[in-house]
């Protein structure tokens, strides 16, 4: 007590009164900086690449121009197709096969007949060219994209750039029905025009009119970097992203790579690892007490019975994946040589991935959701560009590095995220599981209908969900 009562100089006490708060602020500031910088460090390294033939040219010698592009066809191209269709060798299916063995051969004969005698590729080319197409060379390969702007923008109205990325076996054409809804929503009765987009739809390299990589290991990270470079080349500093299938993986990588450039990320499919003891226990408990593990009633309805929906159905639908993730060129050679084989291989996915019950229909339910013109136009994009093999290689390049597609789950996504969960999607990921990777979920919608090809099948539903998401992001 005597020591405590010893007189201390006034300046000593004054210094303490100043130094202690300053020190506390300094330590607090350092801690805050450490936490914030720690989050920044957890991004995917952007890196760089060269995927063109031969060596990379000296810096400054690369062509960075954006060149108008037009899809064209010729009599020779159409005659070659018709000759191949005429040589179609029919294989009878077993009785009662429906689509359980793959594409029903009797229905395939009808498709081939329509393709040969009624389908007008010239007319479809005109339709494809209704939107502006471009090419630009990035990292040595020509990237194809369409860029659609609103025809009229009221004074003071902000137009938001939106990059939409397709998957396999789709193409940029998947977005043709949703583009007018996003660029001119008021005309289609979607809203008062408060949310308007200009839409950029690139073709993944190796798909359609985008040049394929000439080198190995071209994966979703390389694609994400190229698409960031594309948006930057178009003059955008911030933009929204949307994707399903491979588009989901690519746009997620973009958000993990340059979060400062991504205003928001909207997905209609998420890749989340389901392995691990914790997930296994939650899966078992969720079957009996879903609320205990954070599952909603709708999650439980879509997720169970677990073995049927997450094992048997997935195994049945994923045979193609094993082939494409291991030796894609072998099967790809046959598909690239036979238009009928190509159509059967691609269009079968538009059956069961749209609605699992279509497995039991002789026509695969294909014309209940799409027209043959729409389905064959997508097939023709692969056929005339000879891109089926390079599109299949994309699986090998990604899965050989990351067999479970979960390595990037360790890098959290902090940008505002919207998820549209369609009931007929191949797998359902409960919202509580999406939070393992996507830390800032602004909207999570249980969509009333629709499957894997959301923009192609249910463009209005998807457009409404994108707009709802963007409105909320803009209010943050």
Protein backbone atom coordinates (compact mmCIF):
# COMPACT_ATOMS: atom_id res chain seq x y z
CA UNK A 1 0.00 0.00 0.00
CA UNK A 2 2.89 2.31 0.82
CA UNK A 3 4.36 1.62 -2.57
CA UNK A 4 1.07 2.29 -4.28
CA UNK A 5 0.79 5.60 -2.47
CA UNK A 6 4.24 6.82 -3.49
CA UNK A 7 3.96 10.09 -5.41
CA UNK A 8 4.52 9.72 -9.17
CA UNK A 9 5.47 12.55 -11.45
CA UNK A 10 2.56 14.10 -13.28
CA UNK A 11 4.15 13.50 -16.70
CA UNK A 12 4.50 9.75 -15.99
CA UNK A 13 0.76 9.40 -15.32
CA UNK A 14 -0.05 11.56 -18.30
CA UNK A 15 2.12 9.43 -20.55
CA UNK A 16 0.37 6.27 -19.33
CA UNK A 17 -3.01 7.84 -19.94
CA UNK A 18 -2.00 8.47 -23.52
CA UNK A 19 0.12 5.39 -24.22
CA UNK A 20 -2.30 2.74 -22.93
CA UNK A 21 -5.21 3.68 -25.25
CA UNK A 22 -2.81 4.21 -28.14
CA UNK A 23 -1.26 0.81 -27.53
CA UNK A 24 -4.70 -0.78 -27.30
CA UNK A 25 -5.75 0.88 -30.54
CA UNK A 26 -2.53 -0.24 -32.17
CA UNK A 27 -2.92 -3.85 -31.09
CA UNK A 28 -6.61 -3.80 -32.07
CA UNK A 29 -5.76 -2.30 -35.42
CA UNK A 30 -3.08 -4.88 -36.06
CA UNK A 31 -5.49 -7.66 -35.09
CA UNK A 32 -8.17 -6.28 -37.41
CA UNK A 33 -5.63 -5.93 -40.22
CA UNK A 34 -4.45 -9.47 -39.62
CA UNK A 35 -7.98 -10.81 -39.74
CA UNK A 36 -8.83 -8.85 -42.86
CA UNK A 37 -5.56 -9.64 -44.59
CA UNK A 38 -6.00 -13.28 -43.60
CA UNK A 39 -9.26 -13.34 -45.50
CA UNK A 40 -7.65 -11.64 -48.48
CA UNK A 41 -4.85 -14.18 -48.54
CA UNK A 42 -7.41 -16.99 -48.93
CA UNK A 43 -7.93 -16.43 -52.62
CA UNK A 44 -6.98 -18.51 -55.62
CA UNK A 45 -3.80 -17.25 -57.22
CA UNK A 46 -4.66 -15.73 -60.59
CA UNK A 47 -1.39 -16.75 -62.19
CA UNK A 48 -1.01 -16.65 -65.96
CA UNK A 49 -0.99 -19.06 -68.87
CA UNK A 50 -0.41 -19.70 -72.54
CA UNK A 51 -2.63 -22.19 -74.34
CA UNK A 52 -1.88 -21.37 -77.96
CA UNK A 53 0.19 -23.43 -80.36
CA UNK A 54 3.94 -22.99 -80.01
CA UNK A 55 5.73 -20.47 -77.84
CA UNK A 56 4.22 -17.34 -76.36
CA UNK A 57 5.09 -14.20 -78.36
CA UNK A 58 7.01 -11.37 -76.66
CA UNK A 59 5.01 -9.12 -74.34
CA UNK A 60 3.18 -6.45 -76.25
CA UNK A 61 3.02 -8.51 -79.44
CA UNK A 62 -0.20 -10.34 -78.58
CA UNK A 63 -3.38 -9.36 -80.42
CA UNK A 64 -5.81 -7.88 -77.88
CA UNK A 65 -8.39 -6.64 -80.36
CA UNK A 66 -12.09 -7.49 -80.13
CA UNK A 67 -13.27 -8.66 -83.53
CA UNK A 68 -16.88 -9.02 -84.75
CA UNK A 69 -17.69 -12.60 -85.64
CA UNK A 70 -20.52 -14.16 -87.63
CA UNK A 71 -21.58 -17.80 -87.72
CA UNK A 72 -21.65 -19.09 -91.29
CA UNK A 73 -22.52 -22.29 -93.09
CA UNK A 74 -22.22 -23.66 -96.61
CA UNK A 75 -23.80 -26.09 -99.04
CA UNK A 76 -20.81 -28.37 -98.58
CA UNK A 77 -21.25 -28.49 -94.81
CA UNK A 78 -24.97 -29.29 -95.07
CA UNK A 79 -24.45 -31.88 -97.84
CA UNK A 80 -21.83 -33.69 -95.76
CA UNK A 81 -24.23 -33.79 -92.80
CA UNK A 82 -27.06 -35.13 -94.96
CA UNK A 83 -24.87 -37.85 -96.45
CA UNK A 84 -23.87 -39.01 -92.98
CA UNK A 85 -27.48 -38.97 -91.78
CA UNK A 86 -28.50 -41.04 -94.81
CA UNK A 87 -26.00 -43.70 -93.75
CA UNK A 88 -27.48 -44.00 -90.24
CA UNK A 89 -27.36 -47.66 -89.11
CA UNK A 90 -30.42 -48.38 -86.98
CA UNK A 91 -30.03 -50.63 -83.92
CA UNK A 92 -33.33 -52.05 -82.60
CA UNK A 93 -33.90 -51.51 -78.88
CA UNK A 94 -35.20 -54.17 -76.50
CA UNK A 95 -38.90 -54.18 -75.72
CA UNK A 96 -39.94 -51.74 -73.01
CA UNK A 97 -36.53 -50.07 -72.95
CA UNK A 98 -37.81 -46.45 -72.93
CA UNK A 99 -34.67 -44.46 -71.97
CA UNK A 100 -33.39 -46.98 -69.39
CA UNK A 101 -30.67 -48.18 -71.78
CA UNK A 102 -29.84 -44.70 -73.04
CA UNK A 103 -31.35 -42.99 -76.06
CA UNK A 104 -34.29 -45.01 -77.37
CA UNK A 105 -33.39 -46.06 -80.93
CA UNK A 106 -36.94 -45.89 -82.30
CA UNK A 107 -37.27 -42.29 -81.16
CA UNK A 108 -33.77 -41.62 -82.45
CA UNK A 109 -34.93 -42.70 -85.91
CA UNK A 110 -37.67 -40.05 -85.72
CA UNK A 111 -35.10 -37.42 -84.66
CA UNK A 112 -32.79 -38.35 -87.54
CA UNK A 113 -35.67 -38.18 -90.02
CA UNK A 114 -36.60 -34.71 -88.78
CA UNK A 115 -32.96 -33.61 -88.83
CA UNK A 116 -32.49 -34.84 -92.39
CA UNK A 117 -35.76 -33.63 -93.95
CA UNK A 118 -37.16 -30.75 -91.91
CA UNK A 119 -34.47 -29.11 -89.79
CA UNK A 120 -33.22 -25.92 -91.46
CA UNK A 121 -29.67 -25.18 -90.34
CA UNK A 122 -29.47 -22.02 -92.45
CA UNK A 123 -32.51 -20.63 -90.65
CA UNK A 124 -30.99 -21.53 -87.28
CA UNK A 125 -27.73 -19.81 -88.22
CA UNK A 126 -29.70 -16.62 -88.91
CA UNK A 127 -31.34 -16.97 -85.52
CA UNK A 128 -27.98 -17.50 -83.79
CA UNK A 129 -26.62 -14.36 -85.47
CA UNK A 130 -29.42 -12.17 -84.10
CA UNK A 131 -27.14 -11.32 -81.17
CA UNK A 132 -23.70 -9.70 -81.68
CA UNK A 133 -20.87 -12.26 -81.70
CA UNK A 134 -17.18 -11.53 -81.13
CA UNK A 135 -13.77 -13.13 -80.98
CA UNK A 136 -10.80 -11.98 -78.95
CA UNK A 137 -7.48 -13.72 -78.34
CA UNK A 138 -6.57 -14.36 -74.71
CA UNK A 139 -3.56 -16.43 -73.60
CA UNK A 140 -3.04 -17.63 -77.17
CA UNK A 141 -6.54 -18.92 -78.00
CA UNK A 142 -9.55 -17.26 -79.64
CA UNK A 143 -12.40 -16.75 -77.20
CA UNK A 144 -15.91 -16.53 -78.63
CA UNK A 145 -18.63 -14.58 -76.84
CA UNK A 146 -21.90 -12.79 -77.42
CA UNK A 147 -22.45 -9.37 -75.87
CA UNK A 148 -26.04 -8.11 -75.70
CA UNK A 149 -26.91 -4.62 -74.48
CA UNK A 150 -30.38 -3.19 -73.76
CA UNK A 151 -31.90 -1.51 -76.81
CA UNK A 152 -33.13 1.38 -74.65
CA UNK A 153 -31.92 2.62 -71.27
CA UNK A 154 -33.84 5.41 -69.46
CA UNK A 155 -31.77 8.39 -68.34
CA UNK A 156 -30.10 7.66 -65.02
CA UNK A 157 -30.74 3.91 -65.20
CA UNK A 158 -27.76 1.78 -64.22
CA UNK A 159 -27.03 -1.16 -66.51
CA UNK A 160 -25.31 -4.01 -64.71
CA UNK A 161 -22.88 -6.27 -66.56
CA UNK A 162 -23.66 -9.97 -66.15
CA UNK A 163 -21.36 -12.77 -67.31
CA UNK A 164 -23.27 -16.04 -67.87
CA UNK A 165 -21.32 -19.27 -68.30
CA UNK A 166 -22.72 -22.53 -69.73
CA UNK A 167 -21.64 -26.12 -69.07
CA UNK A 168 -21.52 -29.52 -70.81
CA UNK A 169 -23.24 -30.61 -73.04
CA UNK A 170 -24.69 -27.13 -73.44
CA UNK A 171 -23.45 -24.00 -75.15
CA UNK A 172 -23.88 -20.24 -75.27
CA UNK A 173 -27.17 -20.97 -77.06
CA UNK A 174 -28.70 -22.10 -73.74
CA UNK A 175 -29.07 -18.42 -72.83
CA UNK A 176 -30.94 -17.23 -75.93
CA UNK A 177 -34.33 -17.36 -74.21
CA UNK A 178 -33.22 -15.64 -71.00
CA UNK A 179 -31.21 -12.82 -72.60
CA UNK A 180 -34.22 -10.68 -73.64
CA UNK A 181 -35.73 -11.12 -70.17
CA UNK A 182 -32.57 -9.72 -68.58
CA UNK A 183 -31.77 -6.96 -71.07
CA UNK A 184 -35.36 -5.74 -71.52
CA UNK A 185 -37.30 -7.01 -68.47
CA UNK A 186 -40.05 -4.38 -68.59
CA UNK A 187 -41.04 -5.52 -72.09
CA UNK A 188 -41.60 -9.02 -70.75
CA UNK A 189 -43.54 -7.99 -67.66
CA UNK A 190 -40.82 -8.99 -65.22
CA UNK A 191 -40.39 -5.71 -63.33
CA UNK A 192 -40.54 -1.96 -63.59
CA UNK A 193 -37.14 -1.84 -65.22
CA UNK A 194 -35.27 -1.23 -61.96
CA UNK A 195 -32.80 -4.03 -62.70
CA UNK A 196 -31.43 -4.14 -66.26
CA UNK A 197 -28.41 -6.06 -67.52
CA UNK A 198 -26.05 -6.19 -70.42
CA UNK A 199 -25.24 -9.85 -70.87
CA UNK A 200 -21.94 -11.42 -71.88
CA UNK A 201 -22.03 -15.15 -72.73
CA UNK A 202 -18.66 -16.67 -73.64
CA UNK A 203 -18.06 -20.16 -74.95
CA UNK A 204 -15.75 -22.14 -72.68
CA UNK A 205 -12.49 -22.74 -74.58
CA UNK A 206 -12.85 -26.01 -76.49
CA UNK A 207 -16.61 -25.59 -76.76
CA UNK A 208 -18.37 -24.33 -79.87
CA UNK A 209 -16.69 -21.33 -81.45
CA UNK A 210 -14.02 -20.85 -78.75
CA UNK A 211 -10.67 -22.31 -79.72
CA UNK A 212 -9.50 -25.33 -77.72
CA UNK A 213 -6.32 -25.29 -75.69
CA UNK A 214 -3.32 -26.70 -77.54
CA UNK A 215 -1.72 -27.77 -74.27
CA UNK A 216 -2.57 -30.06 -71.35
CA UNK A 217 -3.97 -28.99 -67.96
CA UNK A 218 -6.44 -26.39 -69.19
CA UNK A 219 -8.89 -26.39 -66.26
CA UNK A 220 -11.55 -24.22 -64.59
CA UNK A 221 -8.90 -21.99 -62.97
CA UNK A 222 -7.42 -21.15 -66.37
CA UNK A 223 -10.95 -20.52 -67.68
CA UNK A 224 -11.79 -18.27 -64.72
CA UNK A 225 -8.66 -16.20 -65.33
CA UNK A 226 -9.40 -15.89 -69.06
CA UNK A 227 -12.97 -14.75 -68.38
CA UNK A 228 -11.73 -12.14 -65.89
CA UNK A 229 -9.36 -10.91 -68.60
CA UNK A 230 -12.27 -10.85 -71.05
CA UNK A 231 -14.40 -8.69 -68.75
CA UNK A 232 -11.47 -6.39 -68.10
CA UNK A 233 -10.84 -6.10 -71.85
CA UNK A 234 -14.48 -5.10 -72.29
CA UNK A 235 -13.90 -2.28 -69.80
CA UNK A 236 -15.66 -3.68 -66.74
CA UNK A 237 -14.18 -3.26 -63.27
CA UNK A 238 -17.07 -4.88 -61.38
CA UNK A 239 -19.63 -7.36 -62.64
CA UNK A 240 -22.13 -10.05 -61.72
CA UNK A 241 -21.59 -13.73 -62.52
CA UNK A 242 -24.05 -16.54 -63.19
CA UNK A 243 -23.52 -20.20 -63.91
CA UNK A 244 -24.66 -23.80 -63.70
CA UNK A 245 -22.81 -27.05 -64.42
CA UNK A 246 -19.19 -26.16 -65.35
CA UNK A 247 -20.34 -22.54 -65.38
CA UNK A 248 -20.93 -22.82 -61.63
CA UNK A 249 -17.40 -24.09 -61.05
CA UNK A 250 -15.84 -21.45 -63.30
CA UNK A 251 -17.76 -18.49 -61.83
CA UNK A 252 -17.09 -19.73 -58.29
CA UNK A 253 -13.38 -19.82 -59.14
CA UNK A 254 -13.70 -16.28 -60.50
CA UNK A 255 -15.17 -15.14 -57.17
CA UNK A 256 -12.38 -16.92 -55.28
CA UNK A 257 -9.74 -15.44 -57.56
CA UNK A 258 -10.71 -11.74 -57.75
CA UNK A 259 -13.48 -11.10 -55.20
CA UNK A 260 -12.99 -7.33 -55.56
CA UNK A 261 -14.21 -7.55 -59.16
CA UNK A 262 -17.31 -9.65 -58.45
CA UNK A 263 -20.36 -7.73 -57.23
CA UNK A 264 -22.39 -10.90 -56.89
CA UNK A 265 -22.39 -14.59 -57.80
CA UNK A 266 -25.59 -16.40 -58.80
CA UNK A 267 -25.61 -20.18 -59.26
CA UNK A 268 -28.15 -22.82 -60.22
CA UNK A 269 -25.85 -25.66 -59.19
CA UNK A 270 -23.23 -25.88 -56.46
CA UNK A 271 -20.34 -28.31 -56.09
CA UNK A 272 -19.91 -29.19 -52.40
CA UNK A 273 -17.87 -32.12 -51.10
CA UNK A 274 -20.10 -34.69 -49.36
CA UNK A 275 -17.29 -36.79 -47.91
CA UNK A 276 -16.22 -36.79 -44.28
CA UNK A 277 -17.43 -38.27 -41.01
CA UNK A 278 -19.30 -35.10 -40.03
CA UNK A 279 -21.37 -35.04 -43.21
CA UNK A 280 -22.04 -38.77 -42.92
CA UNK A 281 -23.40 -38.37 -39.38
CA UNK A 282 -25.52 -35.37 -40.38
CA UNK A 283 -26.86 -37.32 -43.36
CA UNK A 284 -27.95 -40.20 -41.13
CA UNK A 285 -29.50 -37.94 -38.49
CA UNK A 286 -31.21 -35.81 -41.13
CA UNK A 287 -33.33 -38.74 -42.27
CA UNK A 288 -35.05 -38.80 -38.86
CA UNK A 289 -34.57 -35.35 -37.33
CA UNK A 290 -33.75 -33.00 -40.25
CA UNK A 291 -34.20 -29.87 -38.11
CA UNK A 292 -31.41 -31.07 -35.81
CA UNK A 293 -28.82 -30.88 -38.63
CA UNK A 294 -30.20 -27.69 -40.18
CA UNK A 295 -32.20 -29.26 -43.01
CA UNK A 296 -35.48 -27.64 -43.96
CA UNK A 297 -38.51 -29.77 -44.82
CA UNK A 298 -37.87 -29.10 -48.50
CA UNK A 299 -34.21 -30.11 -48.10
CA UNK A 300 -35.32 -33.40 -46.57
CA UNK A 301 -37.91 -34.00 -49.31
CA UNK A 302 -35.31 -33.49 -52.04
CA UNK A 303 -32.44 -35.25 -50.28
CA UNK A 304 -34.06 -38.49 -49.11
CA UNK A 305 -34.20 -41.43 -49.60
CA UNK A 306 -30.46 -40.78 -49.61
CA UNK A 307 -29.21 -43.93 -51.36
CA UNK A 308 -31.72 -43.63 -54.18
CA UNK A 309 -31.23 -39.92 -54.87
CA UNK A 310 -27.54 -39.48 -54.07
CA UNK A 311 -26.01 -42.83 -54.95
CA UNK A 312 -28.10 -44.92 -57.37
CA UNK A 313 -29.42 -42.00 -59.45
CA UNK A 314 -26.00 -40.36 -59.57
CA UNK A 315 -24.25 -43.59 -60.59
CA UNK A 316 -26.82 -44.14 -63.35
CA UNK A 317 -26.33 -40.63 -64.73
CA UNK A 318 -22.55 -40.35 -64.41
CA UNK A 319 -21.13 -43.09 -66.66
CA UNK A 320 -20.20 -40.43 -69.22
CA UNK A 321 -18.22 -38.61 -66.53
CA UNK A 322 -15.87 -41.52 -65.88
CA UNK A 323 -15.13 -41.88 -69.59
CA UNK A 324 -14.55 -38.16 -70.09
CA UNK A 325 -12.46 -37.81 -66.93
CA UNK A 326 -10.11 -40.63 -67.98
CA UNK A 327 -9.90 -41.27 -71.75
CA UNK A 328 -12.13 -38.74 -73.52
CA UNK A 329 -10.49 -38.93 -76.94
CA UNK A 330 -11.42 -42.58 -77.54
CA UNK A 331 -15.20 -42.14 -77.34
CA UNK A 332 -14.90 -38.60 -78.67
CA UNK A 333 -13.48 -39.80 -82.00
CA UNK A 334 -16.64 -41.78 -82.73
CA UNK A 335 -18.94 -38.91 -81.74
CA UNK A 336 -16.99 -36.45 -83.87
CA UNK A 337 -17.39 -38.73 -86.90
CA UNK A 338 -21.07 -39.60 -86.49
CA UNK A 339 -23.74 -36.89 -86.22
CA UNK A 340 -26.30 -39.49 -85.08
CA UNK A 341 -24.00 -40.75 -82.34
CA UNK A 342 -23.31 -37.17 -81.29
CA UNK A 343 -27.01 -36.31 -81.13
CA UNK A 344 -27.86 -39.41 -79.09
CA UNK A 345 -24.99 -38.77 -76.66
CA UNK A 346 -25.85 -35.10 -76.10
CA UNK A 347 -29.65 -35.17 -76.27
CA UNK A 348 -29.96 -38.05 -73.83
CA UNK A 349 -28.67 -35.68 -71.13
CA UNK A 350 -31.43 -33.19 -71.96
CA UNK A 351 -33.90 -35.95 -71.10
CA UNK A 352 -33.00 -37.32 -67.67
CA UNK A 353 -31.16 -34.20 -66.47
CA UNK A 354 -34.30 -32.19 -67.14
CA UNK A 355 -36.60 -34.62 -65.31
CA UNK A 356 -35.59 -37.97 -63.81
CA UNK A 357 -39.03 -39.44 -64.57
CA UNK A 358 -38.38 -39.02 -68.32
CA UNK A 359 -36.34 -42.21 -68.03
CA UNK A 360 -39.62 -44.11 -68.34
CA UNK A 361 -40.81 -42.39 -71.54
CA UNK A 362 -40.18 -43.80 -75.01
CA UNK A 363 -39.32 -40.31 -76.31
CA UNK A 364 -37.39 -39.34 -73.19
CA UNK A 365 -39.85 -36.49 -72.60
CA UNK A 366 -37.63 -34.33 -74.77
CA UNK A 367 -40.33 -32.54 -76.72
CA UNK A 368 -42.34 -31.77 -73.61
CA UNK A 369 -39.73 -29.20 -72.59
CA UNK A 370 -37.84 -28.34 -75.78
CA UNK A 371 -38.40 -28.33 -79.52
CA UNK A 372 -36.34 -30.53 -81.82
CA UNK A 373 -35.08 -27.35 -83.50
CA UNK A 374 -33.69 -26.14 -80.15
CA UNK A 375 -32.09 -29.47 -79.27
CA UNK A 376 -30.57 -29.99 -82.72
CA UNK A 377 -29.25 -26.43 -82.85
CA UNK A 378 -27.24 -27.14 -79.71
CA UNK A 379 -25.98 -30.41 -81.25
CA UNK A 380 -25.07 -28.59 -84.47
CA UNK A 381 -22.88 -26.13 -82.56
CA UNK A 382 -20.76 -29.11 -81.48
CA UNK A 383 -20.94 -30.74 -84.93
CA UNK A 384 -19.91 -27.85 -87.19
CA UNK A 385 -17.06 -26.84 -84.86
CA UNK A 386 -15.82 -30.43 -84.25
CA UNK A 387 -15.64 -29.50 -80.57
CA UNK A 388 -17.06 -32.60 -78.87
CA UNK A 389 -13.62 -34.10 -78.15
CA UNK A 390 -12.15 -30.91 -76.69
CA UNK A 391 -15.31 -30.33 -74.63
CA UNK A 392 -14.98 -33.84 -73.19
CA UNK A 393 -11.29 -33.28 -72.38
CA UNK A 394 -12.34 -30.54 -69.97
CA UNK A 395 -13.40 -33.29 -67.56
CA UNK A 396 -9.99 -34.97 -67.65
CA UNK A 397 -8.13 -31.69 -67.12
CA UNK A 398 -10.23 -30.86 -64.05
CA UNK A 399 -10.72 -34.29 -62.47
CA UNK A 400 -7.12 -35.43 -62.90
CA UNK A 401 -6.05 -32.56 -60.62
CA UNK A 402 -9.06 -32.70 -58.29
CA UNK A 403 -10.87 -36.09 -58.38
CA UNK A 404 -13.61 -35.00 -55.94
CA UNK A 405 -13.93 -31.41 -57.23
CA UNK A 406 -13.46 -30.28 -53.63
CA UNK A 407 -9.95 -28.82 -53.45
CA UNK A 408 -11.28 -25.30 -53.94
CA UNK A 409 -13.82 -25.76 -51.14
CA UNK A 410 -10.97 -24.75 -48.83
CA UNK A 411 -11.12 -21.23 -50.31
CA UNK A 412 -14.29 -19.61 -49.03
CA UNK A 413 -16.43 -17.37 -51.22
CA UNK A 414 -17.20 -14.07 -49.48
CA UNK A 415 -18.86 -12.21 -52.33
CA UNK A 416 -22.69 -11.96 -52.11
CA UNK A 417 -24.10 -15.23 -53.43
CA UNK A 418 -27.51 -16.30 -54.69
CA UNK A 419 -28.46 -19.93 -55.19
CA UNK A 420 -31.43 -21.19 -57.17
CA UNK A 421 -32.07 -24.85 -56.26
CA UNK A 422 -34.11 -26.51 -58.99
CA UNK A 423 -36.01 -29.64 -57.86
CA UNK A 424 -34.95 -31.87 -60.78
CA UNK A 425 -31.25 -31.05 -60.51
CA UNK A 426 -29.03 -34.15 -60.50
CA UNK A 427 -28.14 -33.63 -56.84
CA UNK A 428 -29.60 -31.38 -54.16
CA UNK A 429 -27.29 -29.50 -51.79
CA UNK A 430 -29.04 -28.32 -48.60
CA UNK A 431 -28.58 -24.64 -47.79
CA UNK A 432 -26.76 -25.42 -44.54
CA UNK A 433 -24.11 -27.31 -46.55
CA UNK A 434 -23.64 -24.53 -49.10
CA UNK A 435 -22.54 -22.30 -46.21
CA UNK A 436 -19.41 -24.44 -45.87
CA UNK A 437 -18.04 -22.63 -48.93
CA UNK A 438 -20.34 -19.69 -49.68
CA UNK A 439 -20.12 -17.48 -46.59
CA UNK A 440 -22.36 -14.64 -47.76
CA UNK A 441 -25.57 -16.21 -49.10
CA UNK A 442 -28.02 -13.42 -49.85
CA UNK A 443 -30.73 -15.57 -51.44
CA UNK A 444 -31.36 -19.31 -51.52
CA UNK A 445 -34.47 -20.21 -53.51
CA UNK A 446 -36.23 -23.56 -53.68
CA UNK A 447 -37.41 -23.28 -57.27
CA UNK A 448 -40.88 -24.71 -57.96
CA UNK A 449 -39.93 -26.67 -61.09
CA UNK A 450 -37.08 -27.26 -63.51
CA UNK A 451 -33.88 -29.21 -63.77
CA UNK A 452 -30.26 -28.98 -64.81
CA UNK A 453 -30.59 -26.75 -67.89
CA UNK A 454 -32.36 -23.95 -66.04
CA UNK A 455 -31.86 -21.06 -68.49
CA UNK A 456 -32.89 -23.27 -71.41
CA UNK A 457 -35.89 -24.87 -69.74
CA UNK A 458 -37.21 -22.24 -67.28
CA UNK A 459 -35.78 -18.89 -68.43
CA UNK A 460 -38.43 -16.76 -66.73
CA UNK A 461 -38.04 -18.45 -63.34
CA UNK A 462 -34.27 -18.11 -63.48
CA UNK A 463 -34.42 -14.48 -64.65
CA UNK A 464 -36.75 -13.57 -61.78
CA UNK A 465 -34.43 -15.18 -59.26
CA UNK A 466 -31.36 -13.41 -60.67
CA UNK A 467 -33.19 -10.06 -60.46
CA UNK A 468 -34.37 -10.69 -56.92
CA UNK A 469 -30.80 -11.51 -55.92
CA UNK A 470 -29.29 -8.44 -57.59
CA UNK A 471 -31.88 -6.14 -55.98
CA UNK A 472 -30.87 -7.40 -52.56
CA UNK A 473 -27.17 -7.06 -53.32
CA UNK A 474 -27.64 -3.47 -54.50
CA UNK A 475 -29.39 -2.66 -51.21
CA UNK A 476 -26.53 -3.99 -49.06
